[in-house]
C-alpha atoms as a PDB file:
ATOM      1  CA  MET A   1      50.693 -22.960 -72.989  1.00  0.00           C
ATOM      2  CA  MET A   2      53.026 -21.585 -70.318  1.00  0.00           C
ATOM      3  CA  THR A   3      53.894 -17.881 -70.402  1.00  0.00           C
ATOM      4  CA  THR A   4      57.447 -16.978 -69.428  1.00  0.00           C
ATOM      5  CA  PHE A   5      58.668 -13.656 -68.046  1.00  0.00           C
ATOM      6  CA  SER A   6      62.102 -12.203 -67.980  1.00  0.00           C
ATOM      7  CA  ARG A   7      63.544 -11.022 -64.685  1.00  0.00           C
ATOM      8  CA  ARG A   8      63.276  -7.398 -65.871  1.00  0.00           C
ATOM      9  CA  ARG A   9      59.623  -7.900 -66.794  1.00  0.00           C
ATOM     10  CA  LEU A  10      58.884  -9.332 -63.352  1.00  0.00           C
ATOM     11  CA  LEU A  11      60.577  -6.363 -61.710  1.00  0.00           C
ATOM     12  CA  ASP A  12      58.571  -3.958 -63.880  1.00  0.00           C
ATOM     13  CA  ILE A  13      55.319  -5.648 -62.869  1.00  0.00           C
ATOM     14  CA  ALA A  14      56.310  -5.745 -59.208  1.00  0.00           C
ATOM     15  CA  GLY A  15      57.295  -2.079 -59.337  1.00  0.00           C
ATOM     16  CA  SER A  16      53.979  -1.110 -60.915  1.00  0.00           C
ATOM     17  CA  VAL A  17      52.019  -3.054 -58.330  1.00  0.00           C
ATOM     18  CA  THR A  18      54.024  -1.457 -55.507  1.00  0.00           C
ATOM     19  CA  ALA A  19      53.534   2.051 -56.926  1.00  0.00           C
ATOM     20  CA  ALA A  20      49.821   1.445 -57.373  1.00  0.00           C
ATOM     21  CA  SER A  21      49.561   0.190 -53.795  1.00  0.00           C
ATOM     22  CA  VAL A  22      51.340   3.272 -52.472  1.00  0.00           C
ATOM     23  CA  LEU A  23      49.118   5.624 -54.494  1.00  0.00           C
ATOM     24  CA  SER A  24      46.013   3.733 -53.395  1.00  0.00           C
ATOM     25  CA  ALA A  25      47.078   4.042 -49.761  1.00  0.00           C
ATOM     26  CA  LEU A  26      47.753   7.763 -50.124  1.00  0.00           C
ATOM     27  CA  ARG A  27      44.412   8.616 -51.741  1.00  0.00           C
ATOM     28  CA  PRO A  28      42.229   8.086 -48.655  1.00  0.00           C
ATOM     29  CA  VAL A  29      44.676  10.141 -46.579  1.00  0.00           C
ATOM     30  CA  ARG A  30      44.481  13.028 -49.040  1.00  0.00           C
ATOM     31  CA  VAL A  31      40.686  12.822 -49.166  1.00  0.00           C
ATOM     32  CA  ALA A  32      40.539  12.821 -45.346  1.00  0.00           C
ATOM     33  CA  GLN A  33      42.894  15.787 -45.182  1.00  0.00           C
ATOM     34  CA  ALA A  34      40.787  17.718 -47.709  1.00  0.00           C
ATOM     35  CA  ALA A  35      37.609  16.956 -45.749  1.00  0.00           C
ATOM     36  CA  GLU A  36      39.268  18.033 -42.503  1.00  0.00           C
ATOM     37  CA  GLU A  37      40.458  21.303 -44.039  1.00  0.00           C
ATOM     38  CA  LYS A  38      36.937  21.979 -45.345  1.00  0.00           C
ATOM     39  CA  SER A  39      35.390  21.387 -41.921  1.00  0.00           C
ATOM     40  CA  THR A  40      37.987  23.396 -39.954  1.00  0.00           C
ATOM     41  CA  TRP A  41      36.640  26.743 -38.789  1.00  0.00           C
ATOM     42  CA  ASN A  42      37.390  29.732 -36.574  1.00  0.00           C
ATOM     43  CA  VAL A  43      35.466  32.898 -35.765  1.00  0.00           C
ATOM     44  CA  LYS A  44      36.220  35.829 -33.513  1.00  0.00           C
ATOM     45  CA  GLY A  45      34.668  39.188 -32.834  1.00  0.00           C
ATOM     46  CA  LEU A  46      32.235  40.893 -30.466  1.00  0.00           C
ATOM     47  CA  PHE A  47      29.623  39.273 -28.241  1.00  0.00           C
ATOM     48  CA  MET A  48      26.693  40.681 -26.296  1.00  0.00           C
ATOM     49  CA  GLU A  49      23.746  39.209 -24.456  1.00  0.00           C
ATOM     50  CA  ALA A  50      20.611  40.455 -22.742  1.00  0.00           C
ATOM     51  CA  CYS A  51      18.286  38.406 -20.549  1.00  0.00           C
ATOM     52  CA  ASN A  52      15.381  38.818 -18.130  1.00  0.00           C
ATOM     53  CA  CYS A  53      17.458  38.302 -14.972  1.00  0.00           C
ATOM     54  CA  GLU A  54      18.235  41.128 -12.593  1.00  0.00           C
ATOM     55  CA  ALA A  55      21.775  42.432 -13.107  1.00  0.00           C
ATOM     56  CA  MET A  56      24.039  40.637 -12.535  1.00  0.00           C
ATOM     57  CA  CYS A  57      22.617  37.385 -13.912  1.00  0.00           C
ATOM     58  CA  PRO A  58      23.245  34.509 -11.454  1.00  0.00           C
ATOM     59  CA  CYS A  59      23.122  31.837 -14.185  1.00  0.00           C
ATOM     60  CA  VAL A  60      26.757  32.552 -15.095  1.00  0.00           C
ATOM     61  CA  VAL A  61      27.886  31.314 -11.690  1.00  0.00           C
ATOM     62  CA  GLY A  62      25.639  28.252 -11.642  1.00  0.00           C
ATOM     63  CA  ASN A  63      22.596  29.607  -9.820  1.00  0.00           C
ATOM     64  CA  ALA A  64      18.959  29.712 -10.902  1.00  0.00           C
ATOM     65  CA  PRO A  65      17.649  32.690 -12.922  1.00  0.00           C
ATOM     66  CA  THR A  66      16.176  35.430 -10.728  1.00  0.00           C
ATOM     67  CA  PRO A  67      12.666  35.346 -12.300  1.00  0.00           C
ATOM     68  CA  GLY A  68      12.573  31.518 -12.258  1.00  0.00           C
ATOM     69  CA  THR A  69      12.764  31.192 -16.037  1.00  0.00           C
ATOM     70  CA  CYS A  70      15.297  32.721 -18.425  1.00  0.00           C
ATOM     71  CA  GLY A  71      14.856  34.253 -21.856  1.00  0.00           C
ATOM     72  CA  VAL A  72      18.088  35.445 -23.420  1.00  0.00           C
ATOM     73  CA  LEU A  73      19.342  36.868 -26.702  1.00  0.00           C
ATOM     74  CA  LEU A  74      23.025  36.274 -27.483  1.00  0.00           C
ATOM     75  CA  GLY A  75      24.544  38.184 -30.397  1.00  0.00           C
ATOM     76  CA  TYR A  76      27.799  37.565 -32.260  1.00  0.00           C
ATOM     77  CA  HIS A  77      29.419  40.014 -34.667  1.00  0.00           C
ATOM     78  CA  ILE A  78      32.178  38.233 -36.588  1.00  0.00           C
ATOM     79  CA  GLU A  79      35.131  40.531 -37.174  1.00  0.00           C
ATOM     80  CA  SER A  80      37.155  37.766 -38.808  1.00  0.00           C
ATOM     81  CA  GLY A  81      36.465  34.116 -39.470  1.00  0.00           C
ATOM     82  CA  ARG A  82      36.269  31.323 -42.003  1.00  0.00           C
ATOM     83  CA  LYS A  83      35.169  27.762 -42.471  1.00  0.00           C
ATOM     84  CA  GLY A  84      37.488  26.041 -44.917  1.00  0.00           C
ATOM     85  CA  GLU A  85      37.770  28.514 -47.780  1.00  0.00           C
ATOM     86  CA  VAL A  86      34.573  30.387 -46.903  1.00  0.00           C
ATOM     87  CA  ALA A  87      35.245  33.833 -45.358  1.00  0.00           C
ATOM     88  CA  LEU A  88      32.742  35.013 -42.719  1.00  0.00           C
ATOM     89  CA  ASP A  89      34.069  38.488 -41.908  1.00  0.00           C
ATOM     90  CA  GLY A  90      31.480  41.134 -41.015  1.00  0.00           C
ATOM     91  CA  LEU A  91      28.482  38.816 -40.600  1.00  0.00           C
ATOM     92  CA  ASN A  92      26.151  38.583 -37.596  1.00  0.00           C
ATOM     93  CA  VAL A  93      24.417  35.745 -35.767  1.00  0.00           C
ATOM     94  CA  VAL A  94      21.934  35.836 -32.870  1.00  0.00           C
ATOM     95  CA  ARG A  95      20.983  32.899 -30.673  1.00  0.00           C
ATOM     96  CA  MET A  96      17.830  32.799 -28.549  1.00  0.00           C
ATOM     97  CA  ASN A  97      17.646  30.483 -25.547  1.00  0.00           C
ATOM     98  CA  PHE A  98      14.665  29.931 -23.296  1.00  0.00           C
ATOM     99  CA  LEU A  99      15.295  28.028 -20.059  1.00  0.00           C
ATOM    100  CA  PRO A 100      12.321  26.922 -17.950  1.00  0.00           C
ATOM    101  CA  GLY A 101      14.418  26.880 -14.771  1.00  0.00           C
ATOM    102  CA  HIS A 102      17.969  26.239 -13.611  1.00  0.00           C
ATOM    103  CA  MET A 103      20.135  25.984 -16.731  1.00  0.00           C
ATOM    104  CA  ALA A 104      21.850  22.803 -15.525  1.00  0.00           C
ATOM    105  CA  LYS A 105      18.491  20.975 -15.474  1.00  0.00           C
ATOM    106  CA  GLY A 106      18.122  21.294 -19.240  1.00  0.00           C
ATOM    107  CA  ASN A 107      14.908  21.419 -21.285  1.00  0.00           C
ATOM    108  CA  TRP A 108      16.263  24.434 -23.153  1.00  0.00           C
ATOM    109  CA  ARG A 109      14.507  25.730 -26.235  1.00  0.00           C
ATOM    110  CA  GLY A 110      16.572  27.556 -28.803  1.00  0.00           C
ATOM    111  CA  ALA A 111      16.547  29.316 -32.156  1.00  0.00           C
ATOM    112  CA  PHE A 112      19.232  30.752 -34.416  1.00  0.00           C
ATOM    113  CA  TYR A 113      19.069  33.856 -36.594  1.00  0.00           C
ATOM    114  CA  ILE A 114      21.682  34.255 -39.324  1.00  0.00           C
ATOM    115  CA  ASP A 115      22.546  37.397 -41.273  1.00  0.00           C
ATOM    116  CA  GLU A 116      20.552  37.408 -44.513  1.00  0.00           C
ATOM    117  CA  ARG A 117      23.525  39.077 -46.274  1.00  0.00           C
ATOM    118  CA  ALA A 118      25.381  35.766 -46.104  1.00  0.00           C
ATOM    119  CA  SER A 119      25.832  33.901 -49.385  1.00  0.00           C
ATOM    120  CA  PRO A 120      24.552  30.298 -49.667  1.00  0.00           C
ATOM    121  CA  ALA A 121      28.040  28.996 -48.776  1.00  0.00           C
ATOM    122  CA  GLN A 122      28.289  31.391 -45.817  1.00  0.00           C
ATOM    123  CA  ARG A 123      24.817  30.424 -44.609  1.00  0.00           C
ATOM    124  CA  GLU A 124      25.792  26.773 -44.667  1.00  0.00           C
ATOM    125  CA  ALA A 125      29.017  27.521 -42.783  1.00  0.00           C
ATOM    126  CA  LEU A 126      27.339  29.682 -40.138  1.00  0.00           C
ATOM    127  CA  SER A 127      24.533  27.151 -39.655  1.00  0.00           C
ATOM    128  CA  ALA A 128      27.152  24.491 -38.934  1.00  0.00           C
ATOM    129  CA  ILE A 129      29.281  26.651 -36.620  1.00  0.00           C
ATOM    130  CA  PHE A 130      26.498  28.305 -34.623  1.00  0.00           C
ATOM    131  CA  SER A 131      24.644  25.160 -33.672  1.00  0.00           C
ATOM    132  CA  PHE A 132      24.295  22.442 -31.067  1.00  0.00           C
ATOM    133  CA  LYS A 133      25.295  19.835 -33.672  1.00  0.00           C
ATOM    134  CA  PRO A 134      28.509  17.786 -33.384  1.00  0.00           C
ATOM    135  CA  GLY A 135      31.382  20.049 -34.404  1.00  0.00           C
ATOM    136  CA  GLY A 136      29.371  23.217 -33.685  1.00  0.00           C
ATOM    137  CA  ALA A 137      30.335  25.931 -31.225  1.00  0.00           C
ATOM    138  CA  PHE A 138      27.634  24.857 -28.743  1.00  0.00           C
ATOM    139  CA  ALA A 139      27.859  21.077 -29.158  1.00  0.00           C
ATOM    140  CA  ALA A 140      28.777  20.680 -25.479  1.00  0.00           C
ATOM    141  CA  GLN A 141      25.329  22.058 -24.561  1.00  0.00           C
ATOM    142  CA  ALA A 142      23.381  19.716 -26.853  1.00  0.00           C
ATOM    143  CA  GLY A 143      22.383  17.407 -24.010  1.00  0.00           C
ATOM    144  CA  LEU A 144      20.602  20.307 -22.298  1.00  0.00           C
ATOM    145  CA  VAL A 145      18.529  21.243 -25.357  1.00  0.00           C
ATOM    146  CA  ALA A 146      15.031  19.811 -25.653  1.00  0.00           C
ATOM    147  CA  GLU A 147      14.046  21.648 -28.845  1.00  0.00           C
ATOM    148  CA  VAL A 148      15.605  23.765 -31.583  1.00  0.00           C
ATOM    149  CA  LEU A 149      12.713  25.857 -32.859  1.00  0.00           C
ATOM    150  CA  GLY A 150      14.407  26.812 -36.111  1.00  0.00           C
ATOM    151  CA  VAL A 151      17.078  28.647 -38.052  1.00  0.00           C
ATOM    152  CA  LYS A 152      16.068  31.820 -39.889  1.00  0.00           C
ATOM    153  CA  PHE A 153      17.968  34.065 -42.310  1.00  0.00           C
ATOM    154  CA  VAL A 154      17.002  37.640 -41.494  1.00  0.00           C
ATOM    155  CA  PRO A 155      18.431  41.187 -41.407  1.00  0.00           C
ATOM    156  CA  ILE A 156      20.587  41.595 -38.281  1.00  0.00           C
ATOM    157  CA  THR A 157      22.369  44.726 -37.084  1.00  0.00           C
ATOM    158  CA  PHE A 158      25.057  44.927 -34.409  1.00  0.00           C
ATOM    159  CA  ASP A 159      26.495  48.160 -33.079  1.00  0.00           C
ATOM    160  CA  ALA A 160      29.113  48.563 -30.328  1.00  0.00           C
ATOM    161  CA  GLN A 161      29.811  52.171 -29.361  1.00  0.00           C
ATOM    162  CA  GLY A 162      31.913  52.589 -26.233  1.00  0.00           C
ATOM    163  CA  ARG A 163      29.831  51.314 -23.325  1.00  0.00           C
ATOM    164  CA  GLN A 164      26.564  51.117 -25.247  1.00  0.00           C
ATOM    165  CA  TRP A 165      25.948  48.022 -27.384  1.00  0.00           C
ATOM    166  CA  LYS A 166      22.924  47.241 -29.530  1.00  0.00           C
ATOM    167  CA  MET A 167      21.682  44.459 -31.753  1.00  0.00           C
ATOM    168  CA  ALA A 168      18.443  43.917 -33.639  1.00  0.00           C
ATOM    169  CA  ILE A 169      16.784  41.054 -35.509  1.00  0.00           C
ATOM    170  CA  ALA A 170      14.415  42.712 -37.977  1.00  0.00           C
ATOM    171  CA  GLY A 171      10.788  42.174 -37.002  1.00  0.00           C
ATOM    172  CA  ILE A 172      11.701  39.740 -34.221  1.00  0.00           C
ATOM    173  CA  GLY A 173      13.730  41.252 -31.410  1.00  0.00           C
ATOM    174  CA  ASP A 174      16.344  43.686 -30.184  1.00  0.00           C
ATOM    175  CA  ALA A 175      18.589  44.478 -27.250  1.00  0.00           C
ATOM    176  CA  ASP A 176      20.142  47.746 -26.126  1.00  0.00           C
ATOM    177  CA  ILE A 177      22.527  47.500 -23.170  1.00  0.00           C
ATOM    178  CA  THR A 178      24.824  49.928 -21.363  1.00  0.00           C
ATOM    179  CA  ALA A 179      27.717  49.068 -19.050  1.00  0.00           C
ATOM    180  CA  ILE A 180      27.086  49.595 -15.340  1.00  0.00           C
ATOM    181  CA  GLU A 181      29.484  52.145 -13.913  1.00  0.00           C
ATOM    182  CA  GLY A 182      31.685  50.752 -11.185  1.00  0.00           C
ATOM    183  CA  PHE A 183      34.145  52.265  -8.743  1.00  0.00           C
ATOM    184  CA  ASP A 184      35.975  55.325 -10.049  1.00  0.00           C
ATOM    185  CA  GLY A 185      33.779  55.342 -13.168  1.00  0.00           C
ATOM    186  CA  LYS A 186      35.292  52.137 -14.538  1.00  0.00           C
ATOM    187  CA  GLU A 187      33.446  49.199 -16.067  1.00  0.00           C
ATOM    188  CA  ILE A 188      32.572  46.249 -13.847  1.00  0.00           C
ATOM    189  CA  ARG A 189      34.166  43.095 -15.233  1.00  0.00           C
ATOM    190  CA  VAL A 190      33.703  39.455 -14.285  1.00  0.00           C
ATOM    191  CA  GLU A 191      36.212  36.848 -15.392  1.00  0.00           C
ATOM    192  CA  ASN A 192      37.159  33.196 -15.122  1.00  0.00           C
ATOM    193  CA  LEU A 193      33.527  32.210 -15.681  1.00  0.00           C
ATOM    194  CA  ARG A 194      32.979  28.585 -16.680  1.00  0.00           C
ATOM    195  CA  GLY A 195      32.622  28.287 -20.448  1.00  0.00           C
ATOM    196  CA  ARG A 196      33.407  31.961 -21.036  1.00  0.00           C
ATOM    197  CA  ALA A 197      37.004  32.506 -22.031  1.00  0.00           C
ATOM    198  CA  PHE A 198      37.040  36.315 -21.904  1.00  0.00           C
ATOM    199  CA  PRO A 199      36.234  38.827 -19.131  1.00  0.00           C
ATOM    200  CA  HIS A 200      32.653  40.090 -19.436  1.00  0.00           C
ATOM    201  CA  VAL A 201      31.531  43.658 -18.823  1.00  0.00           C
ATOM    202  CA  VAL A 202      28.376  43.801 -16.689  1.00  0.00           C
ATOM    203  CA  ALA A 203      25.587  45.892 -18.208  1.00  0.00           C
ATOM    204  CA  LYS A 204      21.878  46.721 -17.932  1.00  0.00           C
ATOM    205  CA  SER A 205      19.354  46.910 -20.727  1.00  0.00           C
ATOM    206  CA  THR A 206      17.479  50.036 -21.642  1.00  0.00           C
ATOM    207  CA  HIS A 207      15.274  47.818 -23.801  1.00  0.00           C
ATOM    208  CA  THR A 208      15.103  44.129 -24.701  1.00  0.00           C
ATOM    209  CA  ALA A 209      12.334  42.511 -26.703  1.00  0.00           C
ATOM    210  CA  TYR A 210      11.632  39.241 -28.495  1.00  0.00           C
ATOM    211  CA  LYS A 211       8.605  37.824 -30.306  1.00  0.00           C
ATOM    212  CA  ASP A 212       8.834  34.655 -32.362  1.00  0.00           C
ATOM    213  CA  PHE A 213       7.459  31.124 -32.342  1.00  0.00           C
ATOM    214  CA  ASP A 214       5.349  30.955 -29.141  1.00  0.00           C
ATOM    215  CA  LEU A 215       7.707  33.087 -27.026  1.00  0.00           C
ATOM    216  CA  GLN A 216       7.451  36.782 -26.256  1.00  0.00           C
ATOM    217  CA  TRP A 217       8.945  39.292 -23.832  1.00  0.00           C
ATOM    218  CA  GLU A 218       9.638  43.018 -23.575  1.00  0.00           C
ATOM    219  CA  ILE A 219      11.664  44.267 -20.633  1.00  0.00           C
ATOM    220  CA  SER A 220      14.080  46.969 -19.494  1.00  0.00           C
ATOM    221  CA  GLY A 221      16.551  47.505 -16.685  1.00  0.00           C
ATOM    222  CA  LYS A 222      17.611  43.855 -16.708  1.00  0.00           C
ATOM    223  CA  ASN A 223      20.913  42.028 -17.159  1.00  0.00           C
ATOM    224  CA  GLY A 224      23.367  42.396 -20.012  1.00  0.00           C
ATOM    225  CA  PHE A 225      26.960  41.430 -20.776  1.00  0.00           C
ATOM    226  CA  TYR A 226      29.422  42.233 -23.530  1.00  0.00           C
ATOM    227  CA  ALA A 227      32.854  40.886 -24.377  1.00  0.00           C
ATOM    228  CA  PRO A 228      35.118  39.769 -27.203  1.00  0.00           C
ATOM    229  CA  PHE A 229      34.694  36.151 -28.280  1.00  0.00           C
ATOM    230  CA  ALA A 230      36.701  33.541 -30.176  1.00  0.00           C
ATOM    231  CA  PHE A 231      35.546  30.056 -31.176  1.00  0.00           C
ATOM    232  CA  ASN A 232      37.337  27.445 -33.266  1.00  0.00           C
ATOM    233  CA  SER A 233      36.875  23.841 -34.303  1.00  0.00           C
ATOM    234  CA  ALA A 234      38.491  21.199 -32.103  1.00  0.00           C
END
C-alpha cells in the first residue's frame, strides 16, 4: 500500500527535520561553551618568595643558584579570583620548589599547600589553577618538573605589612622577609624579568624554614622577593 502526503504535510516534515538538525547542531556548541566557562579562571593578589640564595637571587636572570641547589617557598594570597562560578577571594596557596642545580636543567621537585579553609569546590579549583597540569598557572614549567611530591590542605597565613611580609604553613614551614633599603631609603625593585609580569621588591629573610617529605632547611639572611601577581587562563 502506498502512502501519499500532501504538499503541506511534506513541508511540515521538512521543517521539523530542519529545526531538529539546527537544534542538534547548537547543542554541542552550548555544551562546549558551558565547559569553557566552567574552566575559565583568574586570580590576582599578593606574592612573596624566600629561597636559600644570597640576595639577590641569580636564578631570576638565568644564572645558577648561589649555593648550587635551590630550595624556595612561593606564597600567593588571593585578593580576588574565581574559577567558573567558584569565588576564591581571601584564600592562600604556597608552592615549594627544590632545584638540584641550574633551574633550566630541570629535575625540579615540587609540592603545593592549599588553604584548609577552602570548600571542596574551592580546593578543586585551586588544585587545578596552582599546578603544573595543562591549563594550570605553571603548565609552562611542567617539562622541568621531575616529581610532584604532593598537594596538602593545611592552615596557611599570609601577612603583608609595609616592607615586612610573612607567610606560614602550619607545622611545615614559614618565611619572614623584609625589603632591602636602597638609595634614599627607597625599595630596590627589579622589573622586566622573564616570566614575572610585575616589578619585584628585593628583600632578605629574617627567617625561612621548611620540613616536609624528605626535604628540610632553616636559614636566615637569604633572598626574598615580594610583588603583586595576576594569573588567568589562556
